[in-house]
């Protein structure tokens, strides 16, 4: 294109269209006449005169158009084809972005539902479902009616209803609201009663199939136990002084054959615990089984009680990948 700012005498100097663009026309008077490479492509060539100079972004990279280089897809992407036009196209199939501090439950029909969480420098309010191990992830909602949050407590009830409780914002502000869904996260209804006493995040909630109650333990800077016999609509104090110290990021399971509760690890900003506690009274009285378990100390781990009475704990914030 012609540029008069570098004129020699009365003749303008022609300058090439910049990288990431091209032009098939002569006589342009400014760079605005150069055509940006299409999304999913890039060009390192100055003065490109044809669209074919714009090459498809390589596998695991993407561009939004007019690019001289392609950006790297996020870690964990599954892209196996060229030409991604945005970060949301870095995956071959529907996906949920890498995250931590999310809720995850298994419904009675075997579906897995992932709820919110923290992704990079943002908090999320999306919900995803995996109907079976061979299926693709299906987004139930992009933005749920509850506000974006991480470290909430989520649990599935005996009838397949899911409740999610409390959590924290990106700025670390604690939340108290309780929400319920009967369609695996597509629509949500806020319950009238908030979490008891104060905001909670990093707390543990579990459903006891024998009593039909939801048990909530700790969270934030708390060391207490509460129960709900109506799916989170109201809460009753079970124990104000359970014996174990204030903590968050702990695991809590209910053994399916006995209803016995087992609480493990967790901690605060100051301390990390490596203890195991058991309650055979629905959270009223607790007995310490170990002050130094064979693992950990672990923080923000997941716990699961199997039908044979075994307990599995998976990963943690300090040493991920351990089972």
Protein backbone atom coordinates (compact mmCIF):
# COMPACT_ATOMS: atom_id res chain seq x y z
CA UNK A 1 0.00 0.00 0.00
CA UNK A 2 1.12 3.59 -0.61
CA UNK A 3 2.51 5.67 2.26
CA UNK A 4 3.12 9.41 1.97
CA UNK A 5 5.03 9.66 5.25
CA UNK A 6 8.18 8.37 3.53
CA UNK A 7 7.77 10.26 0.28
CA UNK A 8 10.72 10.76 -1.98
CA UNK A 9 10.02 13.97 -3.81
CA UNK A 10 6.43 13.78 -4.96
CA UNK A 11 6.38 9.98 -5.14
CA UNK A 12 4.99 7.96 -2.22
CA UNK A 13 6.79 4.84 -1.01
CA UNK A 14 4.82 1.60 -1.11
CA UNK A 15 4.92 -0.50 2.02
CA UNK A 16 3.99 -4.17 2.41
CA UNK A 17 0.85 -5.33 4.12
CA UNK A 18 1.81 -6.43 7.67
CA UNK A 19 2.11 -10.02 8.81
CA UNK A 20 -1.23 -11.65 9.51
CA UNK A 21 -2.79 -9.94 6.48
CA UNK A 22 -2.77 -10.05 2.68
CA UNK A 23 -4.13 -8.13 -0.30
CA UNK A 24 -5.05 -9.19 -3.82
CA UNK A 25 -5.54 -5.59 -4.96
CA UNK A 26 -3.06 -2.98 -6.12
CA UNK A 27 -3.18 0.69 -5.24
CA UNK A 28 -4.13 0.50 -1.57
CA UNK A 29 -3.66 3.76 0.31
CA UNK A 30 -3.44 2.40 3.87
CA UNK A 31 -2.97 -0.78 5.87
CA UNK A 32 -6.70 -0.79 6.54
CA UNK A 33 -7.17 -2.14 3.04
CA UNK A 34 -5.14 -5.26 3.86
CA UNK A 35 -7.32 -8.30 4.57
CA UNK A 36 -6.78 -10.06 7.92
CA UNK A 37 -6.08 -13.77 7.82
CA UNK A 38 -9.20 -15.72 8.74
CA UNK A 39 -9.67 -17.11 12.28
CA UNK A 40 -7.79 -20.37 12.64
CA UNK A 41 -4.98 -19.22 10.33
CA UNK A 42 -1.81 -17.13 10.51
CA UNK A 43 0.81 -15.61 8.21
CA UNK A 44 4.40 -14.52 8.88
CA UNK A 45 4.78 -13.07 5.37
CA UNK A 46 5.11 -9.33 4.76
CA UNK A 47 3.27 -8.12 1.69
CA UNK A 48 1.33 -11.32 1.10
CA UNK A 49 -0.72 -11.08 -2.10
CA UNK A 50 -3.00 -14.10 -1.76
CA UNK A 51 -5.17 -15.75 0.87
CA UNK A 52 -3.19 -18.97 0.60
CA UNK A 53 -0.35 -17.22 2.44
CA UNK A 54 -2.49 -17.64 5.56
CA UNK A 55 -1.74 -21.11 6.90
CA UNK A 56 -3.90 -23.17 9.26
CA UNK A 57 -2.87 -23.07 12.90
CA UNK A 58 -1.08 -26.23 13.92
CA UNK A 59 -2.62 -28.87 16.19
CA UNK A 60 -2.96 -27.59 19.81
CA UNK A 61 -2.83 -23.92 18.69
CA UNK A 62 -5.46 -21.37 17.67
CA UNK A 63 -5.93 -17.82 16.34
CA UNK A 64 -8.84 -15.40 16.33
CA UNK A 65 -7.88 -13.88 12.97
CA UNK A 66 -5.32 -11.38 11.66
CA UNK A 67 -2.57 -13.32 13.44
CA UNK A 68 1.12 -13.54 12.67
CA UNK A 69 1.44 -16.41 15.16
CA UNK A 70 -1.03 -18.85 16.71
CA UNK A 71 -1.59 -19.07 20.46
CA UNK A 72 -1.10 -22.25 22.43
CA UNK A 73 -4.21 -24.16 23.51
CA UNK A 74 -4.67 -24.66 27.27
CA UNK A 75 -3.06 -27.64 28.95
CA UNK A 76 -5.27 -30.71 28.77
CA UNK A 77 -6.85 -29.86 25.41
CA UNK A 78 -7.62 -32.76 23.09
CA UNK A 79 -7.42 -30.97 19.73
CA UNK A 80 -6.26 -33.34 16.98
CA UNK A 81 -7.08 -31.14 13.96
CA UNK A 82 -5.62 -27.93 12.56
CA UNK A 83 -7.31 -24.56 12.30
CA UNK A 84 -8.83 -23.83 15.71
CA UNK A 85 -10.42 -20.37 15.65
CA UNK A 86 -10.51 -19.80 19.42
CA UNK A 87 -9.71 -21.35 22.76
CA UNK A 88 -13.17 -22.92 22.88
CA UNK A 89 -12.27 -24.91 19.72
CA UNK A 90 -9.16 -26.44 21.24
CA UNK A 91 -11.13 -29.57 22.11
CA UNK A 92 -12.42 -32.12 19.64
CA UNK A 93 -15.53 -32.86 21.73
CA UNK A 94 -17.56 -30.89 24.25
CA UNK A 95 -15.42 -30.42 27.33
CA UNK A 96 -15.11 -28.67 30.60
CA UNK A 97 -12.02 -26.50 30.97
CA UNK A 98 -9.25 -27.43 33.42
CA UNK A 99 -10.30 -26.45 36.93
CA UNK A 100 -9.99 -27.16 40.63
CA UNK A 101 -12.24 -26.62 43.63
CA UNK A 102 -15.25 -27.92 41.69
CA UNK A 103 -18.12 -30.11 42.82
CA UNK A 104 -18.48 -33.60 41.37
CA UNK A 105 -21.28 -36.08 42.08
CA UNK A 106 -22.48 -39.40 40.68
CA UNK A 107 -26.22 -39.70 40.21
CA UNK A 108 -28.16 -42.97 40.75
CA UNK A 109 -28.20 -43.67 36.99
CA UNK A 110 -24.39 -43.50 36.83
CA UNK A 111 -24.03 -40.01 35.34
CA UNK A 112 -21.21 -37.80 36.61
CA UNK A 113 -22.00 -34.11 37.07
CA UNK A 114 -19.26 -31.45 37.43
CA UNK A 115 -20.29 -28.17 39.07
CA UNK A 116 -18.47 -24.82 38.88
CA UNK A 117 -14.95 -24.45 40.28
CA UNK A 118 -11.88 -22.31 39.69
CA UNK A 119 -10.21 -22.16 36.25
CA UNK A 120 -6.94 -20.26 35.91
CA UNK A 121 -7.75 -16.79 37.23
CA UNK A 122 -11.54 -17.05 37.18
CA UNK A 123 -14.38 -18.78 38.98
CA UNK A 124 -17.04 -20.66 37.05
CA UNK A 125 -20.78 -21.24 37.13
CA UNK A 126 -21.09 -23.88 34.41
CA UNK A 127 -22.32 -27.45 34.83
CA UNK A 128 -21.23 -30.49 32.79
CA UNK A 129 -22.47 -34.08 32.66
CA UNK A 130 -20.91 -37.36 31.53
CA UNK A 131 -23.69 -39.89 30.93
CA UNK A 132 -21.32 -42.87 30.79
CA UNK A 133 -17.55 -43.47 30.44
CA UNK A 134 -17.74 -43.82 26.66
CA UNK A 135 -19.81 -40.69 26.06
CA UNK A 136 -18.75 -37.09 25.43
CA UNK A 137 -19.17 -34.42 28.09
CA UNK A 138 -22.42 -32.51 27.72
CA UNK A 139 -22.76 -28.94 28.97
CA UNK A 140 -25.92 -28.67 31.05
CA UNK A 141 -25.68 -24.90 31.45
CA UNK A 142 -23.09 -22.26 30.60
CA UNK A 143 -24.09 -19.95 33.46
CA UNK A 144 -26.17 -21.38 36.29
CA UNK A 145 -28.49 -19.10 38.24
CA UNK A 146 -26.10 -19.25 41.19
CA UNK A 147 -23.08 -16.94 41.10
CA UNK A 148 -19.64 -18.23 39.98
CA UNK A 149 -17.82 -20.00 42.81
CA UNK A 150 -15.24 -22.52 43.86
CA UNK A 151 -14.84 -24.74 46.94
CA UNK A 152 -18.60 -25.28 47.25
CA UNK A 153 -19.98 -28.46 48.78
CA UNK A 154 -22.07 -30.59 46.41
CA UNK A 155 -23.94 -33.82 47.10
CA UNK A 156 -26.52 -36.02 45.38
CA UNK A 157 -29.55 -37.26 47.33
CA UNK A 158 -31.20 -40.66 47.10
CA UNK A 159 -33.73 -39.49 44.51
CA UNK A 160 -31.02 -38.06 42.23
CA UNK A 161 -31.56 -34.46 43.31
CA UNK A 162 -28.31 -32.51 43.59
CA UNK A 163 -27.66 -29.69 46.04
CA UNK A 164 -24.69 -27.34 46.03
CA UNK A 165 -23.86 -25.30 49.09
CA UNK A 166 -21.79 -22.20 49.84
CA UNK A 167 -18.32 -21.77 48.35
CA UNK A 168 -16.20 -18.70 47.72
CA UNK A 169 -15.79 -16.01 45.07
CA UNK A 170 -12.54 -15.29 43.21
CA UNK A 171 -11.77 -12.61 45.82
CA UNK A 172 -12.19 -15.13 48.63
CA UNK A 173 -15.57 -13.90 49.84
CA UNK A 174 -17.47 -16.76 51.45
CA UNK A 175 -21.01 -17.70 50.38
CA UNK A 176 -23.96 -19.18 52.30
CA UNK A 177 -26.62 -19.91 49.70
CA UNK A 178 -27.98 -23.40 48.96
CA UNK A 179 -29.25 -24.48 45.53
CA UNK A 180 -31.05 -27.59 44.27
CA UNK A 181 -31.44 -29.18 40.82
CA UNK A 182 -33.62 -32.10 39.77
CA UNK A 183 -32.44 -32.24 36.15
CA UNK A 184 -28.68 -32.77 36.60
CA UNK A 185 -27.79 -29.11 36.62
CA UNK A 186 -29.85 -27.68 33.77
CA UNK A 187 -32.05 -25.58 36.07
CA UNK A 188 -31.52 -24.59 39.70
CA UNK A 189 -33.75 -23.38 42.54
CA UNK A 190 -32.44 -21.48 45.54
CA UNK A 191 -33.63 -22.85 48.87
CA UNK A 192 -34.96 -20.43 51.46
CA UNK A 193 -32.52 -21.40 54.22
CA UNK A 194 -28.85 -20.49 53.85
CA UNK A 195 -26.04 -22.50 55.39
CA UNK A 196 -26.11 -22.26 59.18
CA UNK A 197 -24.47 -19.43 61.12
CA UNK A 198 -21.97 -18.18 58.54
CA UNK A 199 -20.46 -18.51 55.07
CA UNK A 200 -18.57 -21.72 54.37
CA UNK A 201 -16.11 -22.87 51.72
CA UNK A 202 -14.00 -25.97 51.51
CA UNK A 203 -16.54 -27.71 53.74
CA UNK A 204 -17.56 -31.35 53.37
CA UNK A 205 -21.08 -32.58 52.69
CA UNK A 206 -22.22 -36.18 52.37
CA UNK A 207 -25.51 -38.01 52.01
CA UNK A 208 -26.25 -40.84 54.42
CA UNK A 209 -28.48 -43.31 52.51
CA UNK A 210 -29.59 -45.07 55.69
CA UNK A 211 -30.96 -41.99 57.47
CA UNK A 212 -31.70 -39.95 54.34
CA UNK A 213 -29.86 -37.00 55.88
CA UNK A 214 -27.25 -34.62 54.49
CA UNK A 215 -24.33 -34.15 56.87
CA UNK A 216 -22.19 -30.99 56.71
CA UNK A 217 -18.84 -30.78 58.50
CA UNK A 218 -16.48 -27.84 59.02
CA UNK A 219 -15.47 -25.42 56.28
CA UNK A 220 -13.87 -21.99 56.42
CA UNK A 221 -12.55 -21.71 59.96
CA UNK A 222 -15.25 -23.92 61.51
CA UNK A 223 -15.18 -27.19 63.46
CA UNK A 224 -18.85 -28.15 63.71
CA UNK A 225 -21.33 -30.64 62.28
CA UNK A 226 -24.83 -29.96 60.96
CA UNK A 227 -27.54 -32.15 59.43
CA UNK A 228 -30.47 -31.65 57.09
CA UNK A 229 -33.34 -34.12 56.86
CA UNK A 230 -35.09 -32.23 54.03
CA UNK A 231 -32.47 -31.94 51.31
CA UNK A 232 -30.84 -28.73 52.53
CA UNK A 233 -34.04 -26.78 53.16
CA UNK A 234 -33.14 -26.40 56.86
CA UNK A 235 -30.23 -27.35 59.11
CA UNK A 236 -29.89 -28.65 62.68
CA UNK A 237 -26.73 -28.57 64.80
CA UNK A 238 -25.29 -32.02 65.46
CA UNK A 239 -22.07 -31.12 67.24
CA UNK A 240 -20.51 -27.77 68.09
CA UNK A 241 -17.34 -29.35 69.52
CA UNK A 242 -16.70 -32.60 67.63
CA UNK A 243 -13.12 -33.02 68.89
CA UNK A 244 -11.37 -32.44 65.58
CA UNK A 245 -9.93 -29.00 64.86
CA UNK A 246 -11.31 -26.32 62.53
CA UNK A 247 -10.57 -27.21 58.92
CA UNK A 248 -11.47 -27.05 55.26
CA UNK A 249 -10.40 -29.15 52.29
CA UNK A 250 -11.07 -32.36 54.21
CA UNK A 251 -12.79 -35.52 52.99
CA UNK A 252 -15.95 -36.91 54.56
CA UNK A 253 -17.64 -40.20 53.62
CA UNK A 254 -20.62 -42.19 54.90
CA UNK A 255 -20.22 -45.97 54.79
CA UNK A 256 -23.23 -47.31 52.85
CA UNK A 257 -23.93 -50.35 55.04
CA UNK A 258 -23.66 -48.72 58.48
CA UNK A 259 -23.96 -44.96 57.97
CA UNK A 260 -20.69 -44.52 59.87
CA UNK A 261 -19.02 -41.19 59.06
CA UNK A 262 -15.28 -40.96 58.45
CA UNK A 263 -13.50 -37.59 58.26
CA UNK A 264 -9.92 -37.26 57.01
CA UNK A 265 -7.20 -34.60 56.83
CA UNK A 266 -7.87 -31.00 55.70
CA UNK A 267 -6.53 -27.92 57.42
CA UNK A 268 -6.26 -24.13 57.46
CA UNK A 269 -3.78 -21.56 56.16
CA UNK A 270 -1.68 -22.27 59.26
CA UNK A 271 -1.96 -26.03 59.79
CA UNK A 272 -2.47 -29.19 57.76
CA UNK A 273 -3.95 -32.24 59.44
CA UNK A 274 -3.15 -35.87 58.85
CA UNK A 275 -5.77 -37.37 61.14
CA UNK A 276 -8.76 -39.70 60.76
CA UNK A 277 -11.97 -39.43 62.78
CA UNK A 278 -15.05 -41.65 62.94
CA UNK A 279 -18.62 -41.10 64.07
CA UNK A 280 -21.24 -43.82 64.52
CA UNK A 281 -23.86 -41.38 65.79
CA UNK A 282 -24.52 -39.31 62.70
CA UNK A 283 -21.86 -36.74 63.58
CA UNK A 284 -22.78 -36.16 67.24
CA UNK A 285 -19.80 -37.94 68.84
CA UNK A 286 -16.42 -38.57 67.22
CA UNK A 287 -13.51 -40.91 67.92
CA UNK A 288 -10.01 -40.35 66.56
CA UNK A 289 -8.74 -43.38 64.68
CA UNK A 290 -5.34 -41.96 63.73
CA UNK A 291 -3.32 -38.80 64.30
CA UNK A 292 -0.83 -39.64 61.55
CA UNK A 293 -2.34 -41.57 58.66
CA UNK A 294 -0.16 -43.47 56.20
CA UNK A 295 -0.78 -40.81 53.55
CA UNK A 296 -0.44 -37.03 53.48
CA UNK A 297 -1.04 -34.74 55.11
CA UNK A 298 -3.52 -34.10 52.30
CA UNK A 299 -5.56 -30.98 51.59
CA UNK A 300 -8.51 -30.58 49.21
CA UNK A 301 -8.69 -34.26 48.37
CA UNK A 302 -11.67 -36.36 47.26
CA UNK A 303 -13.03 -39.29 49.25
CA UNK A 304 -15.36 -42.10 48.18
CA UNK A 305 -16.95 -44.92 50.16
CA UNK A 306 -17.38 -48.13 48.16
CA UNK A 307 -20.22 -50.62 48.56
CA UNK A 308 -17.90 -53.14 50.27
CA UNK A 309 -16.97 -50.65 53.01
CA UNK A 310 -13.62 -49.64 51.52
CA UNK A 311 -12.67 -45.96 51.33
CA UNK A 312 -10.75 -44.45 48.41
CA UNK A 313 -9.08 -41.03 48.61
CA UNK A 314 -7.79 -39.39 45.44
CA UNK A 315 -5.28 -36.60 44.87
CA UNK A 316 -4.76 -33.46 46.89
CA UNK A 317 -3.56 -29.89 46.52
CA UNK A 318 -0.08 -30.62 47.85
CA UNK A 319 0.77 -33.88 46.09
CA UNK A 320 -1.57 -34.53 43.18
CA UNK A 321 -2.04 -37.85 41.47
CA UNK A 322 -1.91 -40.07 44.53
CA UNK A 323 -4.59 -42.69 45.30
